[in-house]
C-alpha atoms as a PDB file:
ATOM      1  CA  UNK A   1      97.554 110.002 111.751  1.00  0.00           C
ATOM      2  CA  UNK A   2      97.963 107.957 109.547  1.00  0.00           C
ATOM      3  CA  UNK A   3      98.439 109.299 105.587  1.00  0.00           C
ATOM      4  CA  UNK A   4      97.525 107.198 102.346  1.00  0.00           C
ATOM      5  CA  UNK A   5      98.742 108.961  98.749  1.00  0.00           C
ATOM      6  CA  UNK A   6      98.042 106.246  95.839  1.00  0.00           C
ATOM      7  CA  UNK A   7      99.656 106.736  92.160  1.00  0.00           C
ATOM      8  CA  UNK A   8      99.415 104.251  89.096  1.00  0.00           C
ATOM      9  CA  UNK A   9     102.785 104.310  87.109  1.00  0.00           C
ATOM     10  CA  UNK A  10     102.996 103.402  83.155  1.00  0.00           C
ATOM     11  CA  UNK A  11     106.192 101.459  83.454  1.00  0.00           C
ATOM     12  CA  UNK A  12     109.550 101.149  84.815  1.00  0.00           C
ATOM     13  CA  UNK A  13     110.687 104.771  83.758  1.00  0.00           C
ATOM     14  CA  UNK A  14     108.046 105.960  85.798  1.00  0.00           C
ATOM     15  CA  UNK A  15     108.214 103.965  88.798  1.00  0.00           C
ATOM     16  CA  UNK A  16     111.785 104.671  89.123  1.00  0.00           C
ATOM     17  CA  UNK A  17     111.403 108.170  88.386  1.00  0.00           C
ATOM     18  CA  UNK A  18     108.450 108.033  91.511  1.00  0.00           C
ATOM     19  CA  UNK A  19     111.344 106.612  94.109  1.00  0.00           C
ATOM     20  CA  UNK A  20     113.846 108.616  93.295  1.00  0.00           C
ATOM     21  CA  UNK A  21     111.455 112.064  94.225  1.00  0.00           C
ATOM     22  CA  UNK A  22     110.348 110.040  97.362  1.00  0.00           C
ATOM     23  CA  UNK A  23     113.980 109.425  98.073  1.00  0.00           C
ATOM     24  CA  UNK A  24     114.872 113.244  97.749  1.00  0.00           C
ATOM     25  CA  UNK A  25     111.660 114.139  99.902  1.00  0.00           C
ATOM     26  CA  UNK A  26     113.036 111.855 102.381  1.00  0.00           C
ATOM     27  CA  UNK A  27     117.212 113.609 102.424  1.00  0.00           C
ATOM     28  CA  UNK A  28     116.102 116.945 102.600  1.00  0.00           C
ATOM     29  CA  UNK A  29     113.762 116.207 105.476  1.00  0.00           C
ATOM     30  CA  UNK A  30     114.871 116.601 108.994  1.00  0.00           C
ATOM     31  CA  UNK A  31     116.388 113.610 110.896  1.00  0.00           C
ATOM     32  CA  UNK A  32     114.173 111.462 112.759  1.00  0.00           C
ATOM     33  CA  UNK A  33     114.567 109.763 116.412  1.00  0.00           C
ATOM     34  CA  UNK A  34     115.934 106.405 114.734  1.00  0.00           C
ATOM     35  CA  UNK A  35     116.455 105.173 111.145  1.00  0.00           C
ATOM     36  CA  UNK A  36     113.949 106.010 108.099  1.00  0.00           C
ATOM     37  CA  UNK A  37     112.392 102.708 107.401  1.00  0.00           C
ATOM     38  CA  UNK A  38     110.728 102.063 103.545  1.00  0.00           C
ATOM     39  CA  UNK A  39     109.030  98.846 103.437  1.00  0.00           C
ATOM     40  CA  UNK A  40     107.996  97.204 100.237  1.00  0.00           C
ATOM     41  CA  UNK A  41     105.495  94.686  99.565  1.00  0.00           C
ATOM     42  CA  UNK A  42     104.231  93.124  96.404  1.00  0.00           C
ATOM     43  CA  UNK A  43     104.144  90.336  94.107  1.00  0.00           C
ATOM     44  CA  UNK A  44     107.560  89.042  92.282  1.00  0.00           C
ATOM     45  CA  UNK A  45     108.114  91.676  89.246  1.00  0.00           C
ATOM     46  CA  UNK A  46     105.567  94.171  90.813  1.00  0.00           C
ATOM     47  CA  UNK A  47     107.856  96.561  90.817  1.00  0.00           C
ATOM     48  CA  UNK A  48     109.959  96.798  94.563  1.00  0.00           C
ATOM     49  CA  UNK A  49     113.293  96.807  92.528  1.00  0.00           C
ATOM     50  CA  UNK A  50     112.693  98.895  90.225  1.00  0.00           C
ATOM     51  CA  UNK A  51     111.479 101.465  92.451  1.00  0.00           C
ATOM     52  CA  UNK A  52     114.413 101.555  94.861  1.00  0.00           C
ATOM     53  CA  UNK A  53     116.309 101.824  91.460  1.00  0.00           C
ATOM     54  CA  UNK A  54     115.214 105.144  91.079  1.00  0.00           C
ATOM     55  CA  UNK A  55     115.281 105.883  95.047  1.00  0.00           C
ATOM     56  CA  UNK A  56     119.038 105.096  94.673  1.00  0.00           C
ATOM     57  CA  UNK A  57     119.422 107.964  92.327  1.00  0.00           C
ATOM     58  CA  UNK A  58     117.822 110.238  94.700  1.00  0.00           C
ATOM     59  CA  UNK A  59     120.057 109.611  97.081  1.00  0.00           C
ATOM     60  CA  UNK A  60     122.846 110.347  95.124  1.00  0.00           C
ATOM     61  CA  UNK A  61     123.968 106.610  95.233  1.00  0.00           C
ATOM     62  CA  UNK A  62     125.984 105.461  91.092  1.00  0.00           C
ATOM     63  CA  UNK A  63     125.829 102.045  91.854  1.00  0.00           C
ATOM     64  CA  UNK A  64     123.697  99.445  89.946  1.00  0.00           C
ATOM     65  CA  UNK A  65     120.731  98.332  92.176  1.00  0.00           C
ATOM     66  CA  UNK A  66     119.800  94.710  92.185  1.00  0.00           C
ATOM     67  CA  UNK A  67     117.739  92.984  95.032  1.00  0.00           C
ATOM     68  CA  UNK A  68     120.309  91.646  97.370  1.00  0.00           C
ATOM     69  CA  UNK A  69     117.792  88.126  97.497  1.00  0.00           C
ATOM     70  CA  UNK A  70     121.116  86.104  98.054  1.00  0.00           C
ATOM     71  CA  UNK A  71     122.999  88.425 100.394  1.00  0.00           C
ATOM     72  CA  UNK A  72     119.821  89.727 101.907  1.00  0.00           C
ATOM     73  CA  UNK A  73     121.264  93.195 103.504  1.00  0.00           C
ATOM     74  CA  UNK A  74     123.350  95.690 101.525  1.00  0.00           C
ATOM     75  CA  UNK A  75     124.865  98.972 102.516  1.00  0.00           C
ATOM     76  CA  UNK A  76     125.931 102.006 100.768  1.00  0.00           C
ATOM     77  CA  UNK A  77     127.399 105.137 101.837  1.00  0.00           C
ATOM     78  CA  UNK A  78     125.816 108.682 101.587  1.00  0.00           C
ATOM     79  CA  UNK A  79     127.121 112.186 101.863  1.00  0.00           C
ATOM     80  CA  UNK A  80     125.181 114.692 104.088  1.00  0.00           C
ATOM     81  CA  UNK A  81     123.005 113.793 106.868  1.00  0.00           C
ATOM     82  CA  UNK A  82     122.264 110.670 106.175  1.00  0.00           C
ATOM     83  CA  UNK A  83     124.888 108.405 106.079  1.00  0.00           C
ATOM     84  CA  UNK A  84     124.176 104.990 105.628  1.00  0.00           C
ATOM     85  CA  UNK A  85     121.667 103.462 102.742  1.00  0.00           C
ATOM     86  CA  UNK A  86     120.468  99.975 103.374  1.00  0.00           C
ATOM     87  CA  UNK A  87     119.042  97.619 100.721  1.00  0.00           C
ATOM     88  CA  UNK A  88     117.311  94.401 102.712  1.00  0.00           C
ATOM     89  CA  UNK A  89     115.483  91.729 100.438  1.00  0.00           C
ATOM     90  CA  UNK A  90     113.823  89.521 103.161  1.00  0.00           C
ATOM     91  CA  UNK A  91     112.191  87.458 100.604  1.00  0.00           C
ATOM     92  CA  UNK A  92     114.143  84.302 102.237  1.00  0.00           C
ATOM     93  CA  UNK A  93     113.892  85.380 105.976  1.00  0.00           C
ATOM     94  CA  UNK A  94     111.677  83.152 107.613  1.00  0.00           C
ATOM     95  CA  UNK A  95     111.092  85.571 110.417  1.00  0.00           C
ATOM     96  CA  UNK A  96     112.415  88.306 113.236  1.00  0.00           C
ATOM     97  CA  UNK A  97     115.163  85.506 114.077  1.00  0.00           C
ATOM     98  CA  UNK A  98     116.519  85.592 111.182  1.00  0.00           C
ATOM     99  CA  UNK A  99     117.782  89.393 111.537  1.00  0.00           C
ATOM    100  CA  UNK A 100     119.669  89.017 114.586  1.00  0.00           C
ATOM    101  CA  UNK A 101     122.847  87.843 112.717  1.00  0.00           C
ATOM    102  CA  UNK A 102     122.390  90.871 110.759  1.00  0.00           C
ATOM    103  CA  UNK A 103     122.910  93.682 113.002  1.00  0.00           C
ATOM    104  CA  UNK A 104     119.558  94.999 111.944  1.00  0.00           C
ATOM    105  CA  UNK A 105     118.430  96.489 115.715  1.00  0.00           C
ATOM    106  CA  UNK A 106     121.294  98.814 115.798  1.00  0.00           C
ATOM    107  CA  UNK A 107     120.833  99.798 112.033  1.00  0.00           C
ATOM    108  CA  UNK A 108     117.208 100.895 113.098  1.00  0.00           C
ATOM    109  CA  UNK A 109     118.606 102.975 116.252  1.00  0.00           C
ATOM    110  CA  UNK A 110     120.966 105.346 113.887  1.00  0.00           C
ATOM    111  CA  UNK A 111     118.579 108.438 113.034  1.00  0.00           C
ATOM    112  CA  UNK A 112     121.015 108.614 109.874  1.00  0.00           C
ATOM    113  CA  UNK A 113     120.847 105.587 108.291  1.00  0.00           C
ATOM    114  CA  UNK A 114     117.841 105.069 105.671  1.00  0.00           C
ATOM    115  CA  UNK A 115     116.401 101.274 105.239  1.00  0.00           C
ATOM    116  CA  UNK A 116     114.421  99.749 102.285  1.00  0.00           C
ATOM    117  CA  UNK A 117     112.873  96.743 102.820  1.00  0.00           C
ATOM    118  CA  UNK A 118     111.724  94.767  99.807  1.00  0.00           C
ATOM    119  CA  UNK A 119     109.304  91.804 101.109  1.00  0.00           C
ATOM    120  CA  UNK A 120     108.894  93.277 104.747  1.00  0.00           C
ATOM    121  CA  UNK A 121     105.791  91.806 105.570  1.00  0.00           C
ATOM    122  CA  UNK A 122     108.170  88.825 106.664  1.00  0.00           C
ATOM    123  CA  UNK A 123     109.638  90.820 109.273  1.00  0.00           C
ATOM    124  CA  UNK A 124     106.530  92.918 110.325  1.00  0.00           C
ATOM    125  CA  UNK A 125     106.556  92.084 113.523  1.00  0.00           C
ATOM    126  CA  UNK A 126     110.420  93.794 113.799  1.00  0.00           C
ATOM    127  CA  UNK A 127     109.599  96.981 111.964  1.00  0.00           C
ATOM    128  CA  UNK A 128     109.277 100.677 114.012  1.00  0.00           C
ATOM    129  CA  UNK A 129     105.501 101.715 113.945  1.00  0.00           C
ATOM    130  CA  UNK A 130     106.176 104.666 112.002  1.00  0.00           C
ATOM    131  CA  UNK A 131     108.075 102.802 109.035  1.00  0.00           C
ATOM    132  CA  UNK A 132     106.756 103.616 105.425  1.00  0.00           C
ATOM    133  CA  UNK A 133     105.010 101.015 104.240  1.00  0.00           C
ATOM    134  CA  UNK A 134     104.463 100.627 100.431  1.00  0.00           C
ATOM    135  CA  UNK A 135     102.302  98.206  98.227  1.00  0.00           C
ATOM    136  CA  UNK A 136     102.861  97.513  94.634  1.00  0.00           C
ATOM    137  CA  UNK A 137      99.705  96.034  92.475  1.00  0.00           C
ATOM    138  CA  UNK A 138      99.779  95.201  88.971  1.00  0.00           C
ATOM    139  CA  UNK A 139      97.892  96.740  86.529  1.00  0.00           C
ATOM    140  CA  UNK A 140      99.231  95.686  83.579  1.00  0.00           C
ATOM    141  CA  UNK A 141     102.407  93.980  82.090  1.00  0.00           C
ATOM    142  CA  UNK A 142     104.082  97.277  82.789  1.00  0.00           C
ATOM    143  CA  UNK A 143     101.653  99.564  84.871  1.00  0.00           C
ATOM    144  CA  UNK A 144     101.599  99.618  88.269  1.00  0.00           C
ATOM    145  CA  UNK A 145      99.298 100.977  91.341  1.00  0.00           C
ATOM    146  CA  UNK A 146     101.750 102.370  94.266  1.00  0.00           C
ATOM    147  CA  UNK A 147     100.009 103.219  97.649  1.00  0.00           C
ATOM    148  CA  UNK A 148     101.983 104.585 100.007  1.00  0.00           C
ATOM    149  CA  UNK A 149     101.204 104.679 103.927  1.00  0.00           C
ATOM    150  CA  UNK A 150     103.005 106.889 106.416  1.00  0.00           C
ATOM    151  CA  UNK A 151     102.072 108.871 109.598  1.00  0.00           C
ATOM    152  CA  UNK A 152     102.435 113.147 110.147  1.00  0.00           C
END
């Protein structure tokens, strides 16, 4: 069954806090049969990277999180049940065919991986059906509507 939650943030700090809370919820839940996939979609400047900065904080990552637009995929080590956090930016990808050199299939298979994918709509055909999808919409200069869709 699909579940949908919508909330609004009034600035970057609230957007980061939302990401942090989601990450803490994920790492406290039991492992699934494959990687946890979080798909982020929205316009440029919509809050995707800001959300992931908070998400990384919730995973206890100390490094600064920047969008990997040019490197496409960046890995961060984790402690606990989850061992890797992959931050992926598909803005420049032309489609699923561009995933092969990245080892995407093997990353997806490992239940100890968490993968956050900016511009996930560009590789929609390669994503697991149980992926969490987060949509970012502008409400104002700093305000955002964030909609989470996931399966329970």
